Amino acid sequence: MNLIDTYEPILKARRDEINARLQKIDSDLGKQRPADSEERATESENDEVLEEFGSTGQAELKAIDAALSRIKAGTFGTCVKCGDPISPERLEAVPYTPFCKTCAASL
């Protein structure tokens, strides 16, 4: 099995999972809030956490989309910095990584 057959479905499934989670976050952030000031303070803290999850999800989506673009371009699995192959262990850990272990460590 080649890299594309292995990782394209993994990346697409993760993208779908993140999109579903982001839709839920948007829905939760759009809900009416209680009038009670104590509950409002708690809800405000919860909103901050949801917004951070949303930001993290957006960043991961960008990385996944970039990896899917590299698949289409035929460059997936090759470090964008040095051009060396990305190890299978690294791709297994972070399927959307654009960098080999050496280049990632130097960032």
PDB file of N, CA and C in Angstrom:
ATOM      1  N   MET A   1       0.854  -1.185   0.000  1.00  0.00           N
ATOM      2  CA  MET A   1       0.000   0.000   0.000  1.00  0.00           C
ATOM      3  C   MET A   1       0.900   1.249   0.000  1.00  0.00           C
ATOM      4  N   ASN A   2       0.571   2.212  -0.829  1.00  0.00           N
ATOM      5  CA  ASN A   2       1.398   3.416  -0.908  1.00  0.00           C
ATOM      6  C   ASN A   2       0.915   4.492   0.080  1.00  0.00           C
ATOM      7  N   LEU A   3       1.696   5.560   0.165  1.00  0.00           N
ATOM      8  CA  LEU A   3       1.386   6.627   1.118  1.00  0.00           C
ATOM      9  C   LEU A   3       0.007   7.233   0.885  1.00  0.00           C
ATOM     10  N   ILE A   4      -0.339   7.457  -0.372  1.00  0.00           N
ATOM     11  CA  ILE A   4      -1.622   8.103  -0.675  1.00  0.00           C
ATOM     12  C   ILE A   4      -2.781   7.216  -0.243  1.00  0.00           C
ATOM     13  N   ASP A   5      -2.707   5.931  -0.591  1.00  0.00           N
ATOM     14  CA  ASP A   5      -3.784   5.012  -0.202  1.00  0.00           C
ATOM     15  C   ASP A   5      -3.907   4.892   1.315  1.00  0.00           C
ATOM     16  N   THR A   6      -2.796   5.031   1.987  1.00  0.00           N
ATOM     17  CA  THR A   6      -2.804   4.928   3.441  1.00  0.00           C
ATOM     18  C   THR A   6      -3.313   6.201   4.100  1.00  0.00           C
ATOM     19  N   TYR A   7      -2.781   7.353   3.699  1.00  0.00           N
ATOM     20  CA  TYR A   7      -3.027   8.583   4.452  1.00  0.00           C
ATOM     21  C   TYR A   7      -4.157   9.454   3.939  1.00  0.00           C
ATOM     22  N   GLU A   8      -4.519   9.370   2.683  1.00  0.00           N
ATOM     23  CA  GLU A   8      -5.614  10.213   2.195  1.00  0.00           C
ATOM     24  C   GLU A   8      -6.917   9.936   2.955  1.00  0.00           C
ATOM     25  N   PRO A   9      -7.326   8.671   3.147  1.00  0.00           N
ATOM     26  CA  PRO A   9      -8.555   8.446   3.924  1.00  0.00           C
ATOM     27  C   PRO A   9      -8.442   8.887   5.383  1.00  0.00           C
ATOM     28  N   ILE A  10      -7.259   8.738   5.971  1.00  0.00           N
ATOM     29  CA  ILE A  10      -7.046   9.177   7.352  1.00  0.00           C
ATOM     30  C   ILE A  10      -7.203  10.693   7.447  1.00  0.00           C
ATOM     31  N   LEU A  11      -6.590  11.411   6.523  1.00  0.00           N
ATOM     32  CA  LEU A  11      -6.668  12.877   6.525  1.00  0.00           C
ATOM     33  C   LEU A  11      -8.094  13.354   6.284  1.00  0.00           C
ATOM     34  N   LYS A  12      -8.790  12.728   5.354  1.00  0.00           N
ATOM     35  CA  LYS A  12     -10.170  13.140   5.061  1.00  0.00           C
ATOM     36  C   LYS A  12     -11.087  12.862   6.245  1.00  0.00           C
ATOM     37  N   ALA A  13     -10.898  11.730   6.908  1.00  0.00           N
ATOM     38  CA  ALA A  13     -11.718  11.414   8.083  1.00  0.00           C
ATOM     39  C   ALA A  13     -11.457  12.414   9.207  1.00  0.00           C
ATOM     40  N   ARG A  14     -10.199  12.767   9.415  1.00  0.00           N
ATOM     41  CA  ARG A  14      -9.862  13.740  10.457  1.00  0.00           C
ATOM     42  C   ARG A  14     -10.442  15.109  10.120  1.00  0.00           C
ATOM     43  N   ARG A  15     -10.373  15.490   8.827  1.00  0.00           N
ATOM     44  CA  ARG A  15     -10.950  16.765   8.389  1.00  0.00           C
ATOM     45  C   ARG A  15     -12.450  16.789   8.687  1.00  0.00           C
ATOM     46  N   ASP A  16     -13.149  15.695   8.376  1.00  0.00           N
ATOM     47  CA  ASP A  16     -14.591  15.630   8.638  1.00  0.00           C
ATOM     48  C   ASP A  16     -14.891  15.717  10.136  1.00  0.00           C
ATOM     49  N   GLU A  17     -14.070  15.039  10.930  1.00  0.00           N
ATOM     50  CA  GLU A  17     -14.239  15.062  12.387  1.00  0.00           C
ATOM     51  C   GLU A  17     -14.066  16.481  12.934  1.00  0.00           C
ATOM     52  N   ILE A  18     -13.049  17.167  12.460  1.00  0.00           N
ATOM     53  CA  ILE A  18     -12.792  18.538  12.929  1.00  0.00           C
ATOM     54  C   ILE A  18     -13.912  19.466  12.471  1.00  0.00           C
ATOM     55  N   ASN A  19     -14.357  19.340  11.235  1.00  0.00           N
ATOM     56  CA  ASN A  19     -15.458  20.183  10.746  1.00  0.00           C
ATOM     57  C   ASN A  19     -16.712  19.987  11.590  1.00  0.00           C
ATOM     58  N   ALA A  20     -17.014  18.748  11.948  1.00  0.00           N
ATOM     59  CA  ALA A  20     -18.188  18.482  12.790  1.00  0.00           C
ATOM     60  C   ALA A  20     -18.013  19.122  14.163  1.00  0.00           C
ATOM     61  N   ARG A  21     -16.810  19.010  14.714  1.00  0.00           N
ATOM     62  CA  ARG A  21     -16.545  19.600  16.029  1.00  0.00           C
ATOM     63  C   ARG A  21     -16.644  21.123  15.964  1.00  0.00           C
ATOM     64  N   LEU A  22     -16.120  21.726  14.889  1.00  0.00           N
ATOM     65  CA  LEU A  22     -16.186  23.185  14.749  1.00  0.00           C
ATOM     66  C   LEU A  22     -17.628  23.664  14.592  1.00  0.00           C
ATOM     67  N   GLN A  23     -18.450  22.903  13.899  1.00  0.00           N
ATOM     68  CA  GLN A  23     -19.867  23.270  13.779  1.00  0.00           C
ATOM     69  C   GLN A  23     -20.548  23.234  15.142  1.00  0.00           C
ATOM     70  N   LYS A  24     -20.209  22.227  15.949  1.00  0.00           N
ATOM     71  CA  LYS A  24     -20.779  22.136  17.291  1.00  0.00           C
ATOM     72  C   LYS A  24     -20.310  23.311  18.155  1.00  0.00           C
ATOM     73  N   ILE A  25     -19.041  23.670  18.039  1.00  0.00           N
ATOM     74  CA  ILE A  25     -18.514  24.812  18.797  1.00  0.00           C
ATOM     75  C   ILE A  25     -19.245  26.089  18.387  1.00  0.00           C
ATOM     76  N   ASP A  26     -19.410  26.309  17.067  1.00  0.00           N
ATOM     77  CA  ASP A  26     -20.135  27.491  16.593  1.00  0.00           C
ATOM     78  C   ASP A  26     -21.552  27.518  17.140  1.00  0.00           C
ATOM     79  N   SER A  27     -22.192  26.362  17.145  1.00  0.00           N
ATOM     80  CA  SER A  27     -23.560  26.270  17.659  1.00  0.00           C
ATOM     81  C   SER A  27     -23.600  26.594  19.150  1.00  0.00           C
ATOM     82  N   ASP A  28     -22.657  26.029  19.899  1.00  0.00           N
ATOM     83  CA  ASP A  28     -22.614  26.280  21.344  1.00  0.00           C
ATOM     84  C   ASP A  28     -22.324  27.749  21.647  1.00  0.00           C
ATOM     85  N   LEU A  29     -21.443  28.353  20.872  1.00  0.00           N
ATOM     86  CA  LEU A  29     -21.121  29.764  21.109  1.00  0.00           C
ATOM     87  C   LEU A  29     -22.292  30.681  20.757  1.00  0.00           C
ATOM     88  N   GLY A  30     -23.167  30.238  19.871  1.00  0.00           N
ATOM     89  CA  GLY A  30     -24.292  31.058  19.447  1.00  0.00           C
ATOM     90  C   GLY A  30     -25.528  30.948  20.329  1.00  0.00           C
ATOM     91  N   LYS A  31     -25.487  30.076  21.333  1.00  0.00           N
ATOM     92  CA  LYS A  31     -26.650  29.862  22.203  1.00  0.00           C
ATOM     93  C   LYS A  31     -26.873  31.052  23.123  1.00  0.00           C
ATOM     94  N   GLN A  32     -28.156  31.222  23.504  1.00  0.00           N
ATOM     95  CA  GLN A  32     -28.511  32.246  24.487  1.00  0.00           C
ATOM     96  C   GLN A  32     -27.852  31.933  25.810  1.00  0.00           C
ATOM     97  N   ARG A  33     -27.409  32.948  26.500  1.00  0.00           N
ATOM     98  CA  ARG A  33     -26.743  32.784  27.787  1.00  0.00           C
ATOM     99  C   ARG A  33     -27.679  33.162  28.926  1.00  0.00           C
ATOM    100  N   PRO A  34     -27.496  32.526  30.083  1.00  0.00           N
ATOM    101  CA  PRO A  34     -28.335  32.839  31.247  1.00  0.00           C
ATOM    102  C   PRO A  34     -28.117  34.279  31.722  1.00  0.00           C
ATOM    103  N   ALA A  35     -29.162  34.833  32.328  1.00  0.00           N
ATOM    104  CA  ALA A  35     -29.085  36.210  32.816  1.00  0.00           C
ATOM    105  C   ALA A  35     -28.332  36.304  34.138  1.00  0.00           C
ATOM    106  N   ASP A  36     -28.295  35.221  34.900  1.00  0.00           N
ATOM    107  CA  ASP A  36     -27.622  35.207  36.192  1.00  0.00           C
ATOM    108  C   ASP A  36     -26.140  35.541  36.017  1.00  0.00           C
ATOM    109  N   SER A  37     -25.631  36.479  36.808  1.00  0.00           N
ATOM    110  CA  SER A  37     -24.263  36.954  36.614  1.00  0.00           C
ATOM    111  C   SER A  37     -23.216  35.886  36.925  1.00  0.00           C
ATOM    112  N   GLU A  38     -23.463  35.036  37.931  1.00  0.00           N
ATOM    113  CA  GLU A  38     -22.510  33.958  38.227  1.00  0.00           C
ATOM    114  C   GLU A  38     -22.459  32.966  37.080  1.00  0.00           C
ATOM    115  N   GLU A  39     -23.611  32.590  36.585  1.00  0.00           N
ATOM    116  CA  GLU A  39     -23.656  31.653  35.454  1.00  0.00           C
ATOM    117  C   GLU A  39     -23.046  32.282  34.209  1.00  0.00           C
ATOM    118  N   ARG A  40     -23.254  33.575  34.039  1.00  0.00           N
ATOM    119  CA  ARG A  40     -22.690  34.277  32.892  1.00  0.00           C
ATOM    120  C   ARG A  40     -21.168  34.257  32.939  1.00  0.00           C
ATOM    121  N   ALA A  41     -20.598  34.403  34.121  1.00  0.00           N
ATOM    122  CA  ALA A  41     -19.134  34.364  34.263  1.00  0.00           C
ATOM    123  C   ALA A  41     -18.602  32.985  33.900  1.00  0.00           C
ATOM    124  N   THR A  42     -19.279  31.955  34.359  1.00  0.00           N
ATOM    125  CA  THR A  42     -18.871  30.590  34.025  1.00  0.00           C
ATOM    126  C   THR A  42     -19.004  30.352  32.528  1.00  0.00           C
ATOM    127  N   GLU A  43     -20.112  30.800  31.961  1.00  0.00           N
ATOM    128  CA  GLU A  43     -20.327  30.634  30.523  1.00  0.00           C
ATOM    129  C   GLU A  43     -19.260  31.378  29.725  1.00  0.00           C
ATOM    130  N   SER A  44     -18.861  32.535  30.214  1.00  0.00           N
ATOM    131  CA  SER A  44     -17.820  33.307  29.530  1.00  0.00           C
ATOM    132  C   SER A  44     -16.503  32.541  29.515  1.00  0.00           C
ATOM    133  N   GLU A  45     -16.162  31.926  30.642  1.00  0.00           N
ATOM    134  CA  GLU A  45     -14.948  31.104  30.694  1.00  0.00           C
ATOM    135  C   GLU A  45     -15.061  29.918  29.743  1.00  0.00           C
ATOM    136  N   ASN A  46     -16.222  29.295  29.717  1.00  0.00           N
ATOM    137  CA  ASN A  46     -16.445  28.169  28.811  1.00  0.00           C
ATOM    138  C   ASN A  46     -16.310  28.605  27.356  1.00  0.00           C
ATOM    139  N   ASP A  47     -16.817  29.781  27.048  1.00  0.00           N
ATOM    140  CA  ASP A  47     -16.717  30.301  25.683  1.00  0.00           C
ATOM    141  C   ASP A  47     -15.258  30.494  25.277  1.00  0.00           C
ATOM    142  N   GLU A  48     -14.445  30.971  26.216  1.00  0.00           N
ATOM    143  CA  GLU A  48     -13.021  31.157  25.911  1.00  0.00           C
ATOM    144  C   GLU A  48     -12.358  29.819  25.574  1.00  0.00           C
ATOM    145  N   VAL A  49     -12.710  28.785  26.310  1.00  0.00           N
ATOM    146  CA  VAL A  49     -12.161  27.452  26.043  1.00  0.00           C
ATOM    147  C   VAL A  49     -12.636  26.965  24.672  1.00  0.00           C
ATOM    148  N   LEU A  50     -13.914  27.146  24.382  1.00  0.00           N
ATOM    149  CA  LEU A  50     -14.447  26.724  23.082  1.00  0.00           C
ATOM    150  C   LEU A  50     -13.772  27.474  21.942  1.00  0.00           C
ATOM    151  N   GLU A  51     -13.533  28.764  22.135  1.00  0.00           N
ATOM    152  CA  GLU A  51     -12.873  29.554  21.100  1.00  0.00           C
ATOM    153  C   GLU A  51     -11.446  29.062  20.861  1.00  0.00           C
ATOM    154  N   GLU A  52     -10.759  28.677  21.929  1.00  0.00           N
ATOM    155  CA  GLU A  52      -9.401  28.139  21.791  1.00  0.00           C
ATOM    156  C   GLU A  52      -9.439  26.810  21.042  1.00  0.00           C
ATOM    157  N   PHE A  53     -10.396  25.942  21.387  1.00  0.00           N
ATOM    158  CA  PHE A  53     -10.560  24.685  20.646  1.00  0.00           C
ATOM    159  C   PHE A  53     -10.833  24.970  19.178  1.00  0.00           C
ATOM    160  N   GLY A  54     -11.644  25.980  18.918  1.00  0.00           N
ATOM    161  CA  GLY A  54     -11.955  26.355  17.540  1.00  0.00           C
ATOM    162  C   GLY A  54     -10.721  26.820  16.791  1.00  0.00           C
ATOM    163  N   SER A  55      -9.906  27.627  17.428  1.00  0.00           N
ATOM    164  CA  SER A  55      -8.669  28.108  16.799  1.00  0.00           C
ATOM    165  C   SER A  55      -7.719  26.959  16.506  1.00  0.00           C
ATOM    166  N   THR A  56      -7.589  26.052  17.465  1.00  0.00           N
ATOM    167  CA  THR A  56      -6.731  24.885  17.275  1.00  0.00           C
ATOM    168  C   THR A  56      -7.260  24.025  16.128  1.00  0.00           C
ATOM    169  N   GLY A  57      -8.564  23.834  16.083  1.00  0.00           N
ATOM    170  CA  GLY A  57      -9.180  23.055  15.011  1.00  0.00           C
ATOM    171  C   GLY A  57      -8.956  23.692  13.651  1.00  0.00           C
ATOM    172  N   GLN A  58      -9.077  25.011  13.582  1.00  0.00           N
ATOM    173  CA  GLN A  58      -8.854  25.721  12.316  1.00  0.00           C
ATOM    174  C   GLN A  58      -7.412  25.538  11.830  1.00  0.00           C
ATOM    175  N   ALA A  59      -6.468  25.610  12.761  1.00  0.00           N
ATOM    176  CA  ALA A  59      -5.056  25.433  12.396  1.00  0.00           C
ATOM    177  C   ALA A  59      -4.808  24.007  11.888  1.00  0.00           C
ATOM    178  N   GLU A  60      -5.415  23.033  12.558  1.00  0.00           N
ATOM    179  CA  GLU A  60      -5.246  21.649  12.108  1.00  0.00           C
ATOM    180  C   GLU A  60      -5.895  21.436  10.747  1.00  0.00           C
ATOM    181  N   LEU A  61      -7.043  22.069  10.520  1.00  0.00           N
ATOM    182  CA  LEU A  61      -7.695  21.967   9.204  1.00  0.00           C
ATOM    183  C   LEU A  61      -6.800  22.506   8.098  1.00  0.00           C
ATOM    184  N   LYS A  62      -6.153  23.634   8.345  1.00  0.00           N
ATOM    185  CA  LYS A  62      -5.234  24.204   7.349  1.00  0.00           C
ATOM    186  C   LYS A  62      -4.116  23.226   7.037  1.00  0.00           C
ATOM    187  N   ALA A  63      -3.565  22.598   8.079  1.00  0.00           N
ATOM    188  CA  ALA A  63      -2.476  21.645   7.884  1.00  0.00           C
ATOM    189  C   ALA A  63      -2.961  20.417   7.106  1.00  0.00           C
ATOM    190  N   ILE A  64      -4.168  19.961   7.397  1.00  0.00           N
ATOM    191  CA  ILE A  64      -4.731  18.810   6.686  1.00  0.00           C
ATOM    192  C   ILE A  64      -4.976  19.163   5.232  1.00  0.00           C
ATOM    193  N   ASP A  65      -5.558  20.331   4.977  1.00  0.00           N
ATOM    194  CA  ASP A  65      -5.798  20.753   3.594  1.00  0.00           C
ATOM    195  C   ASP A  65      -4.492  20.870   2.814  1.00  0.00           C
ATOM    196  N   ALA A  66      -3.448  21.368   3.474  1.00  0.00           N
ATOM    197  CA  ALA A  66      -2.144  21.460   2.823  1.00  0.00           C
ATOM    198  C   ALA A  66      -1.605  20.069   2.500  1.00  0.00           C
ATOM    199  N   ALA A  67      -1.794  19.120   3.412  1.00  0.00           N
ATOM    200  CA  ALA A  67      -1.343  17.746   3.169  1.00  0.00           C
ATOM    201  C   ALA A  67      -2.115  17.123   2.011  1.00  0.00           C
ATOM    202  N   LEU A  68      -3.421  17.369   1.946  1.00  0.00           N
ATOM    203  CA  LEU A  68      -4.220  16.846   0.836  1.00  0.00           C
ATOM    204  C   LEU A  68      -3.789  17.482  -0.487  1.00  0.00           C
ATOM    205  N   SER A  69      -3.389  18.739  -0.442  1.00  0.00           N
ATOM    206  CA  SER A  69      -2.855  19.397  -1.643  1.00  0.00           C
ATOM    207  C   SER A  69      -1.534  18.763  -2.067  1.00  0.00           C
ATOM    208  N   ARG A  70      -0.708  18.400  -1.084  1.00  0.00           N
ATOM    209  CA  ARG A  70       0.550  17.729  -1.419  1.00  0.00           C
ATOM    210  C   ARG A  70       0.292  16.346  -2.013  1.00  0.00           C
ATOM    211  N   ILE A  71      -0.760  15.689  -1.552  1.00  0.00           N
ATOM    212  CA  ILE A  71      -1.129  14.398  -2.147  1.00  0.00           C
ATOM    213  C   ILE A  71      -1.464  14.603  -3.617  1.00  0.00           C
ATOM    214  N   LYS A  72      -2.309  15.609  -3.913  1.00  0.00           N
ATOM    215  CA  LYS A  72      -2.680  15.894  -5.308  1.00  0.00           C
ATOM    216  C   LYS A  72      -1.469  16.263  -6.158  1.00  0.00           C
ATOM    217  N   ALA A  73      -0.522  16.977  -5.539  1.00  0.00           N
ATOM    218  CA  ALA A  73       0.667  17.417  -6.272  1.00  0.00           C
ATOM    219  C   ALA A  73       1.714  16.311  -6.402  1.00  0.00           C
ATOM    220  N   GLY A  74       1.508  15.215  -5.664  1.00  0.00           N
ATOM    221  CA  GLY A  74       2.464  14.122  -5.715  1.00  0.00           C
ATOM    222  C   GLY A  74       3.683  14.322  -4.842  1.00  0.00           C
ATOM    223  N   THR A  75       3.599  15.236  -3.880  1.00  0.00           N
ATOM    224  CA  THR A  75       4.747  15.520  -3.023  1.00  0.00           C
ATOM    225  C   THR A  75       4.522  15.107  -1.565  1.00  0.00           C
ATOM    226  N   PHE A  76       3.406  14.472  -1.300  1.00  0.00           N
ATOM    227  CA  PHE A  76       3.114  14.039   0.072  1.00  0.00           C
ATOM    228  C   PHE A  76       4.181  13.037   0.523  1.00  0.00           C
ATOM    229  N   GLY A  77       4.636  13.201   1.765  1.00  0.00           N
ATOM    230  CA  GLY A  77       5.641  12.296   2.307  1.00  0.00           C
ATOM    231  C   GLY A  77       7.058  12.775   2.077  1.00  0.00           C
ATOM    232  N   THR A  78       7.174  13.931   1.437  1.00  0.00           N
ATOM    233  CA  THR A  78       8.481  14.533   1.192  1.00  0.00           C
ATOM    234  C   THR A  78       8.547  15.838   1.975  1.00  0.00           C
ATOM    235  N   CYS A  79       9.620  16.037   2.704  1.00  0.00           N
ATOM    236  CA  CYS A  79       9.791  17.243   3.517  1.00  0.00           C
ATOM    237  C   CYS A  79       9.801  18.479   2.611  1.00  0.00           C
ATOM    238  N   VAL A  80       8.971  19.466   2.959  1.00  0.00           N
ATOM    239  CA  VAL A  80       8.895  20.683   2.149  1.00  0.00           C
ATOM    240  C   VAL A  80      10.117  21.571   2.339  1.00  0.00           C
ATOM    241  N   LYS A  81      10.886  21.320   3.388  1.00  0.00           N
ATOM    242  CA  LYS A  81      12.062  22.148   3.644  1.00  0.00           C
ATOM    243  C   LYS A  81      13.318  21.580   2.980  1.00  0.00           C
ATOM    244  N   CYS A  82      13.598  20.293   3.192  1.00  0.00           N
ATOM    245  CA  CYS A  82      14.856  19.723   2.688  1.00  0.00           C
ATOM    246  C   CYS A  82      14.669  18.763   1.525  1.00  0.00           C
ATOM    247  N   GLY A  83      13.427  18.299   1.298  1.00  0.00           N
ATOM    248  CA  GLY A  83      13.168  17.387   0.194  1.00  0.00           C
ATOM    249  C   GLY A  83      13.413  15.922   0.502  1.00  0.00           C
ATOM    250  N   ASP A  84      13.845  15.607   1.725  1.00  0.00           N
ATOM    251  CA  ASP A  84      14.039  14.213   2.114  1.00  0.00           C
ATOM    252  C   ASP A  84      12.694  13.559   2.420  1.00  0.00           C
ATOM    253  N   PRO A  85      12.636  12.241   2.349  1.00  0.00           N
ATOM    254  CA  PRO A  85      11.391  11.554   2.719  1.00  0.00           C
ATOM    255  C   PRO A  85      11.082  11.739   4.210  1.00  0.00           C
ATOM    256  N   ILE A  86       9.806  11.837   4.514  1.00  0.00           N
ATOM    257  CA  ILE A  86       9.353  11.895   5.909  1.00  0.00           C
ATOM    258  C   ILE A  86       9.181  10.450   6.357  1.00  0.00           C
ATOM    259  N   SER A  87       9.713  10.122   7.518  1.00  0.00           N
ATOM    260  CA  SER A  87       9.683   8.735   7.986  1.00  0.00           C
ATOM    261  C   SER A  87       8.247   8.257   8.198  1.00  0.00           C
ATOM    262  N   PRO A  88       8.011   6.966   7.960  1.00  0.00           N
ATOM    263  CA  PRO A  88       6.674   6.409   8.214  1.00  0.00           C
ATOM    264  C   PRO A  88       6.226   6.601   9.665  1.00  0.00           C
ATOM    265  N   GLU A  89       7.164   6.545  10.602  1.00  0.00           N
ATOM    266  CA  GLU A  89       6.818   6.739  12.019  1.00  0.00           C
ATOM    267  C   GLU A  89       6.312   8.159  12.266  1.00  0.00           C
ATOM    268  N   ARG A  90       6.929   9.119  11.622  1.00  0.00           N
ATOM    269  CA  ARG A  90       6.510  10.516  11.784  1.00  0.00           C
ATOM    270  C   ARG A  90       5.143  10.734  11.152  1.00  0.00           C
ATOM    271  N   LEU A  91       4.938  10.178   9.966  1.00  0.00           N
ATOM    272  CA  LEU A  91       3.636  10.314   9.306  1.00  0.00           C
ATOM    273  C   LEU A  91       2.538   9.618  10.109  1.00  0.00           C
ATOM    274  N   GLU A  92       2.890   8.520  10.740  1.00  0.00           N
ATOM    275  CA  GLU A  92       1.907   7.822  11.566  1.00  0.00           C
ATOM    276  C   GLU A  92       1.499   8.698  12.749  1.00  0.00           C
ATOM    277  N   ALA A  93       2.462   9.382  13.337  1.00  0.00           N
ATOM    278  CA  ALA A  93       2.191  10.237  14.496  1.00  0.00           C
ATOM    279  C   ALA A  93       1.463  11.519  14.104  1.00  0.00           C
ATOM    280  N   VAL A  94       1.897  12.145  13.001  1.00  0.00           N
ATOM    281  CA  VAL A  94       1.318  13.414  12.538  1.00  0.00           C
ATOM    282  C   VAL A  94       1.141  13.311  11.014  1.00  0.00           C
ATOM    283  N   PRO A  95       0.032  12.746  10.558  1.00  0.00           N
ATOM    284  CA  PRO A  95      -0.132  12.471   9.124  1.00  0.00           C
ATOM    285  C   PRO A  95      -0.067  13.699   8.217  1.00  0.00           C
ATOM    286  N   TYR A  96      -0.334  14.875   8.761  1.00  0.00           N
ATOM    287  CA  TYR A  96      -0.340  16.079   7.929  1.00  0.00           C
ATOM    288  C   TYR A  96       0.975  16.854   8.006  1.00  0.00           C
ATOM    289  N   THR A  97       1.981  16.290   8.653  1.00  0.00           N
ATOM    290  CA  THR A  97       3.235  17.026   8.807  1.00  0.00           C
ATOM    291  C   THR A  97       3.896  17.314   7.462  1.00  0.00           C
ATOM    292  N   PRO A  98       4.391  18.534   7.279  1.00  0.00           N
ATOM    293  CA  PRO A  98       5.109  18.848   6.046  1.00  0.00           C
ATOM    294  C   PRO A  98       6.626  18.671   6.194  1.00  0.00           C
ATOM    295  N   PHE A  99       7.072  18.328   7.420  1.00  0.00           N
ATOM    296  CA  PHE A  99       8.505  18.304   7.694  1.00  0.00           C
ATOM    297  C   PHE A  99       8.985  16.940   8.166  1.00  0.00           C
ATOM    298  N   CYS A 100      10.212  16.608   7.789  1.00  0.00           N
ATOM    299  CA  CYS A 100      10.862  15.431   8.341  1.00  0.00           C
ATOM    300  C   CYS A 100      11.231  15.749   9.801  1.00  0.00           C
ATOM    301  N   LYS A 101      11.653  14.729  10.520  1.00  0.00           N
ATOM    302  CA  LYS A 101      11.967  14.902  11.942  1.00  0.00           C
ATOM    303  C   LYS A 101      13.088  15.929  12.140  1.00  0.00           C
ATOM    304  N   THR A 102      14.109  15.875  11.307  1.00  0.00           N
ATOM    305  CA  THR A 102      15.243  16.787  11.449  1.00  0.00           C
ATOM    306  C   THR A 102      14.831  18.235  11.241  1.00  0.00           C
ATOM    307  N   CYS A 103      14.081  18.487  10.178  1.00  0.00           N
ATOM    308  CA  CYS A 103      13.647  19.872   9.896  1.00  0.00           C
ATOM    309  C   CYS A 103      12.647  20.367  10.936  1.00  0.00           C
ATOM    310  N   ALA A 104      11.766  19.489  11.397  1.00  0.00           N
ATOM    311  CA  ALA A 104      10.800  19.893  12.426  1.00  0.00           C
ATOM    312  C   ALA A 104      11.522  20.280  13.707  1.00  0.00           C
ATOM    313  N   ALA A 105      12.586  19.559  14.032  1.00  0.00           N
ATOM    314  CA  ALA A 105      13.343  19.856  15.252  1.00  0.00           C
ATOM    315  C   ALA A 105      14.080  21.188  15.148  1.00  0.00           C
ATOM    316  N   SER A 106      14.386  21.614  13.922  1.00  0.00           N
ATOM    317  CA  SER A 106      15.143  22.861  13.744  1.00  0.00           C
ATOM    318  C   SER A 106      14.250  24.096  13.691  1.00  0.00           C
ATOM    319  N   LEU A 107      12.953  23.916  13.739  1.00  0.00           N
ATOM    320  CA  LEU A 107      12.037  25.069  13.663  1.00  0.00           C
ATOM    321  C   LEU A 107      11.913  25.771  14.994  1.00  0.00           C
TER     322      LEU A 107
END
